[in-house]
């Protein structure tokens, strides 16, 4: 038998050491905490001069307990990161579909002009009005689901005014080849310059012929472009007959002059009764 009997603190240290070892095998976390408590209790008693046996076991219990607790915390952290950090799958429903469904060709989509995430298509609450940013230009499509074309144009005009831009009404149709040519040209640098600080609102004449006629906006020759006054009446109007081939080089100068009120040498002058001089932007 040993001349130095095992003291109560050394027994506690031994129990803490065993708990620390078992914590890695069958009781992670809880076993580590028990080892820390027992090791610390034994360590306080064994610091006294009369106790010498078991100090190393107490320190070992503290070390094993601390290591086990840290190990468990790291595992929990990594597990929660893997669970909550998993990216969500892309939406495939109708509301996530891009503006291609509304006749905007691929050439005019924002990805052609370095669009960022903030330039994704936006859908209004009633899904009848959709907008997409093409470079510095915002293109808004008004669908047939709106209650009133003039009412929606009033809302779009207020939105443009708040943004410090001007509204350009674009009369189009899905089966209009020149209209598709304008769509394809929108991302071109010349068109971006021509329509800077402009909110382009596109309507389908097949859906709104009666309302366009009531507003005094021509709709027989398309693509057509109108500037509107505060009462949503046309101030000025041009159509695709002002240029030859539907290329950015041909379209941009016409629309640039039209927006600035200095496009005077026209092939097809408009003689609307409400027309007046346009103040340049």
Protein backbone atom coordinates (compact mmCIF):
# COMPACT_ATOMS: atom_id res chain seq x y z
CA UNK A 1 0.00 0.00 0.00
CA UNK A 2 1.26 3.52 -0.79
CA UNK A 3 2.60 5.64 2.03
CA UNK A 4 0.71 8.64 0.57
CA UNK A 5 -3.02 7.86 0.67
CA UNK A 6 -5.25 9.40 -2.00
CA UNK A 7 -6.87 12.59 -0.70
CA UNK A 8 -10.37 13.80 -1.51
CA UNK A 9 -9.08 16.56 -3.88
CA UNK A 10 -6.95 14.10 -5.79
CA UNK A 11 -9.96 11.80 -6.17
CA UNK A 12 -11.94 14.72 -7.56
CA UNK A 13 -9.09 15.45 -9.96
CA UNK A 14 -9.08 11.84 -11.10
CA UNK A 15 -12.85 11.96 -11.63
CA UNK A 16 -12.46 15.15 -13.65
CA UNK A 17 -9.74 13.58 -15.78
CA UNK A 18 -11.91 10.54 -16.50
CA UNK A 19 -14.85 12.80 -17.38
CA UNK A 20 -12.65 14.75 -19.76
CA UNK A 21 -11.56 11.56 -21.53
CA UNK A 22 -15.08 10.17 -21.75
CA UNK A 23 -16.42 13.51 -23.03
CA UNK A 24 -14.80 12.85 -26.40
CA UNK A 25 -16.22 9.34 -26.60
CA UNK A 26 -19.79 9.42 -25.32
CA UNK A 27 -20.73 12.74 -23.72
CA UNK A 28 -19.43 15.68 -25.75
CA UNK A 29 -20.20 19.02 -24.27
CA UNK A 30 -21.75 17.82 -21.01
CA UNK A 31 -18.73 15.67 -20.15
CA UNK A 32 -16.42 18.56 -20.94
CA UNK A 33 -18.32 20.87 -18.59
CA UNK A 34 -18.20 18.23 -15.79
CA UNK A 35 -14.46 17.86 -16.32
CA UNK A 36 -14.00 21.62 -16.08
CA UNK A 37 -15.98 21.85 -12.84
CA UNK A 38 -14.25 18.91 -11.18
CA UNK A 39 -10.81 19.94 -12.41
CA UNK A 40 -11.25 23.49 -11.15
CA UNK A 41 -12.58 22.32 -7.79
CA UNK A 42 -9.67 19.94 -7.33
CA UNK A 43 -7.16 22.51 -8.51
CA UNK A 44 -8.25 25.03 -5.87
CA UNK A 45 -7.82 22.44 -3.09
CA UNK A 46 -4.56 21.07 -4.40
CA UNK A 47 -2.90 24.52 -4.46
CA UNK A 48 -2.55 24.25 -0.70
CA UNK A 49 0.90 23.04 0.46
CA UNK A 50 -0.45 19.99 2.27
CA UNK A 51 -1.87 18.57 -0.98
CA UNK A 52 0.67 17.50 -3.59
CA UNK A 53 -0.78 14.42 -5.20
CA UNK A 54 -3.23 14.92 -8.05
CA UNK A 55 -2.24 18.39 -9.22
CA UNK A 56 -1.31 17.14 -12.68
CA UNK A 57 -4.60 15.26 -12.94
CA UNK A 58 -6.51 18.44 -12.04
CA UNK A 59 -4.70 20.39 -14.73
CA UNK A 60 -5.27 17.59 -17.22
CA UNK A 61 -9.00 17.58 -16.36
CA UNK A 62 -9.17 21.33 -16.95
CA UNK A 63 -7.38 20.99 -20.28
CA UNK A 64 -9.52 18.10 -21.51
CA UNK A 65 -12.73 19.81 -20.41
CA UNK A 66 -11.85 23.08 -22.11
CA UNK A 67 -10.79 21.29 -25.31
CA UNK A 68 -14.03 19.32 -25.39
CA UNK A 69 -16.22 22.40 -24.94
CA UNK A 70 -14.34 24.29 -27.65
CA UNK A 71 -14.62 21.27 -29.94
CA UNK A 72 -18.40 21.10 -29.47
CA UNK A 73 -18.81 24.85 -30.08
CA UNK A 74 -16.81 24.64 -33.32
CA UNK A 75 -18.92 21.70 -34.53
CA UNK A 76 -22.15 23.59 -33.75
CA UNK A 77 -20.90 26.71 -35.52
CA UNK A 78 -19.86 24.82 -38.65
CA UNK A 79 -23.14 22.93 -38.72
CA UNK A 80 -25.29 26.06 -38.43
CA UNK A 81 -23.24 27.81 -41.14
CA UNK A 82 -23.70 24.90 -43.51
CA UNK A 83 -27.44 24.78 -42.82
CA UNK A 84 -28.31 28.47 -43.06
CA UNK A 85 -25.72 29.32 -45.68
CA UNK A 86 -27.10 27.03 -48.36
CA UNK A 87 -28.14 29.19 -51.34
CA UNK A 88 -31.80 29.13 -52.25
CA UNK A 89 -32.72 27.68 -55.64
CA UNK A 90 -33.58 30.15 -58.37
CA UNK A 91 -37.26 30.97 -58.78
CA UNK A 92 -38.90 29.41 -61.76
CA UNK A 93 -42.42 30.79 -61.42
CA UNK A 94 -44.01 33.22 -63.83
CA UNK A 95 -43.16 36.30 -61.76
CA UNK A 96 -39.43 35.53 -62.00
CA UNK A 97 -39.52 35.38 -65.81
CA UNK A 98 -37.64 38.23 -67.54
CA UNK A 99 -39.10 40.77 -69.89
CA UNK A 100 -38.66 38.40 -72.84
CA UNK A 101 -42.26 37.29 -72.24
CA UNK A 102 -43.39 40.78 -73.10
CA UNK A 103 -41.58 41.05 -76.40
CA UNK A 104 -38.24 42.48 -75.25
CA UNK A 105 -35.57 40.62 -77.27
CA UNK A 106 -32.46 39.17 -75.70
CA UNK A 107 -30.29 41.89 -77.21
CA UNK A 108 -31.97 44.51 -74.99
CA UNK A 109 -31.76 42.70 -71.68
CA UNK A 110 -29.65 44.29 -68.92
CA UNK A 111 -26.96 41.59 -69.02
CA UNK A 112 -25.84 43.02 -72.39
CA UNK A 113 -24.84 46.29 -70.73
CA UNK A 114 -23.21 45.08 -67.53
CA UNK A 115 -26.32 45.19 -65.36
CA UNK A 116 -25.92 44.38 -61.69
CA UNK A 117 -28.33 42.66 -59.33
CA UNK A 118 -30.25 45.89 -58.76
CA UNK A 119 -31.22 45.88 -62.45
CA UNK A 120 -33.38 42.81 -62.39
CA UNK A 121 -36.92 43.13 -63.81
CA UNK A 122 -39.41 44.71 -61.45
CA UNK A 123 -43.05 43.67 -61.28
CA UNK A 124 -45.80 45.82 -59.81
CA UNK A 125 -48.36 44.43 -57.42
CA UNK A 126 -50.96 43.82 -60.12
CA UNK A 127 -48.31 42.40 -62.52
CA UNK A 128 -49.83 44.54 -65.31
CA UNK A 129 -46.88 46.95 -65.23
CA UNK A 130 -43.33 45.66 -65.59
CA UNK A 131 -40.06 47.54 -65.77
CA UNK A 132 -36.49 46.62 -66.62
CA UNK A 133 -33.34 48.74 -66.45
CA UNK A 134 -31.18 48.73 -69.57
CA UNK A 135 -27.98 50.55 -68.72
CA UNK A 136 -29.05 54.03 -67.61
CA UNK A 137 -32.45 53.67 -69.25
CA UNK A 138 -35.61 52.36 -67.58
CA UNK A 139 -38.12 50.67 -69.86
CA UNK A 140 -41.66 50.27 -68.50
CA UNK A 141 -44.23 48.00 -70.15
CA UNK A 142 -47.91 48.71 -69.46
CA UNK A 143 -50.04 45.61 -69.91
CA UNK A 144 -53.69 45.31 -70.75
CA UNK A 145 -54.54 44.55 -67.12
CA UNK A 146 -54.40 48.19 -66.00
CA UNK A 147 -57.73 49.84 -65.18
CA UNK A 148 -56.95 53.00 -67.16
CA UNK A 149 -54.11 53.81 -69.52
CA UNK A 150 -54.32 57.55 -68.83
CA UNK A 151 -54.37 56.92 -65.09
CA UNK A 152 -51.29 54.70 -65.29
CA UNK A 153 -49.51 57.26 -67.49
CA UNK A 154 -50.24 59.94 -64.89
CA UNK A 155 -48.63 57.71 -62.26
CA UNK A 156 -45.63 57.03 -64.50
CA UNK A 157 -45.26 60.77 -65.18
CA UNK A 158 -45.14 61.52 -61.45
CA UNK A 159 -42.56 58.79 -60.98
CA UNK A 160 -40.41 60.27 -63.75
CA UNK A 161 -40.69 63.77 -62.25
CA UNK A 162 -39.61 62.55 -58.82
CA UNK A 163 -36.57 60.90 -60.42
CA UNK A 164 -35.68 64.04 -62.38
CA UNK A 165 -36.33 62.31 -65.72
CA UNK A 166 -38.77 62.79 -68.59
CA UNK A 167 -41.40 60.36 -69.78
CA UNK A 168 -41.39 59.15 -73.38
CA UNK A 169 -44.46 57.20 -74.50
CA UNK A 170 -43.61 54.45 -76.99
CA UNK A 171 -46.46 52.97 -79.07
CA UNK A 172 -45.51 49.50 -80.26
CA UNK A 173 -46.87 46.08 -81.21
CA UNK A 174 -45.47 42.55 -80.78
CA UNK A 175 -45.51 41.76 -84.52
CA UNK A 176 -43.88 45.06 -85.52
CA UNK A 177 -40.38 44.42 -86.97
CA UNK A 178 -39.24 48.09 -86.69
CA UNK A 179 -40.41 48.08 -83.05
CA UNK A 180 -38.22 45.06 -82.39
CA UNK A 181 -35.37 46.92 -84.05
CA UNK A 182 -35.79 49.75 -81.53
CA UNK A 183 -35.84 47.22 -78.69
CA UNK A 184 -32.59 45.68 -79.91
CA UNK A 185 -30.97 49.10 -80.15
CA UNK A 186 -31.75 50.30 -76.61
CA UNK A 187 -28.56 48.93 -75.05
CA UNK A 188 -26.34 50.60 -77.67
CA UNK A 189 -24.22 53.52 -76.37
CA UNK A 190 -25.72 55.92 -78.92
CA UNK A 191 -29.23 55.12 -77.75
CA UNK A 192 -28.15 55.35 -74.12
CA UNK A 193 -26.91 58.88 -74.75
CA UNK A 194 -29.96 59.85 -76.80
CA UNK A 195 -32.36 58.71 -74.07
CA UNK A 196 -30.40 59.69 -71.00
CA UNK A 197 -32.61 60.95 -68.14
CA UNK A 198 -35.61 59.37 -69.89
CA UNK A 199 -38.26 56.97 -68.60
CA UNK A 200 -39.54 55.06 -71.64
CA UNK A 201 -43.08 53.73 -71.24
CA UNK A 202 -44.12 51.20 -73.89
CA UNK A 203 -47.74 50.34 -74.72
CA UNK A 204 -49.22 47.85 -77.16
CA UNK A 205 -51.48 49.65 -79.62
CA UNK A 206 -53.54 46.47 -80.03
CA UNK A 207 -54.49 46.70 -76.36
CA UNK A 208 -54.98 50.47 -76.08
CA UNK A 209 -56.04 51.74 -79.52
CA UNK A 210 -59.28 53.28 -78.20
CA UNK A 211 -57.60 55.01 -75.24
CA UNK A 212 -54.72 56.26 -77.37
CA UNK A 213 -57.22 57.71 -79.82
CA UNK A 214 -59.12 59.41 -77.00
CA UNK A 215 -55.86 60.92 -75.73
CA UNK A 216 -55.00 62.20 -79.21
CA UNK A 217 -51.91 60.00 -79.56
CA UNK A 218 -51.40 58.67 -83.14
CA UNK A 219 -51.13 54.89 -83.28
CA UNK A 220 -51.43 53.87 -86.92
CA UNK A 221 -47.71 54.32 -87.78
CA UNK A 222 -45.44 52.47 -85.38
CA UNK A 223 -43.06 52.55 -83.68
CA UNK A 224 -44.40 55.88 -82.49
CA UNK A 225 -43.09 58.16 -79.74
CA UNK A 226 -44.99 60.89 -77.91
CA UNK A 227 -44.16 63.51 -75.30
CA UNK A 228 -47.09 64.21 -72.98
CA UNK A 229 -48.22 67.24 -71.01
CA UNK A 230 -49.59 67.26 -67.46
CA UNK A 231 -53.05 66.34 -68.77
CA UNK A 232 -51.58 63.31 -70.60
CA UNK A 233 -52.14 64.92 -74.00
CA UNK A 234 -49.48 64.70 -76.73
CA UNK A 235 -47.12 67.66 -77.01
CA UNK A 236 -45.10 66.20 -79.87
CA UNK A 237 -44.93 62.97 -81.84
CA UNK A 238 -42.61 61.13 -84.22
CA UNK A 239 -42.68 57.66 -85.70
CA UNK A 240 -40.30 55.19 -87.32
CA UNK A 241 -40.76 56.81 -90.71
CA UNK A 242 -38.15 59.37 -89.65
CA UNK A 243 -35.30 56.93 -90.21
CA UNK A 244 -34.38 54.25 -92.73
CA UNK A 245 -32.88 51.02 -91.47
CA UNK A 246 -33.68 50.26 -87.82
CA UNK A 247 -30.16 50.63 -86.45
CA UNK A 248 -28.90 52.59 -83.41
CA UNK A 249 -26.97 54.90 -85.73
CA UNK A 250 -30.21 55.89 -87.50
CA UNK A 251 -32.62 55.88 -84.55
CA UNK A 252 -30.53 57.65 -81.90
CA UNK A 253 -30.19 61.08 -83.63
CA UNK A 254 -33.93 61.26 -84.25
CA UNK A 255 -34.89 60.47 -80.66
CA UNK A 256 -32.12 62.66 -79.23
CA UNK A 257 -33.35 65.69 -81.19
CA UNK A 258 -36.97 64.84 -80.42
CA UNK A 259 -36.35 64.69 -76.66
CA UNK A 260 -34.49 68.01 -76.74
CA UNK A 261 -37.10 69.80 -78.83
CA UNK A 262 -34.79 70.58 -81.75
CA UNK A 263 -35.70 67.86 -84.24
CA UNK A 264 -37.14 70.12 -86.94
CA UNK A 265 -36.15 68.67 -90.33
CA UNK A 266 -38.79 65.95 -90.33
CA UNK A 267 -39.81 63.59 -93.05
CA UNK A 268 -43.28 63.25 -91.57
CA UNK A 269 -44.18 66.37 -89.54
CA UNK A 270 -46.87 65.99 -86.92
CA UNK A 271 -49.65 68.58 -86.95
CA UNK A 272 -51.36 67.83 -83.66
CA UNK A 273 -53.51 70.62 -82.26
CA UNK A 274 -51.90 70.41 -78.81
CA UNK A 275 -48.34 70.54 -80.04
CA UNK A 276 -46.10 73.26 -78.63
CA UNK A 277 -42.39 73.88 -78.32
CA UNK A 278 -40.60 71.40 -76.07
CA UNK A 279 -38.25 72.76 -73.43
CA UNK A 280 -34.87 71.09 -73.79
CA UNK A 281 -33.71 68.88 -70.94
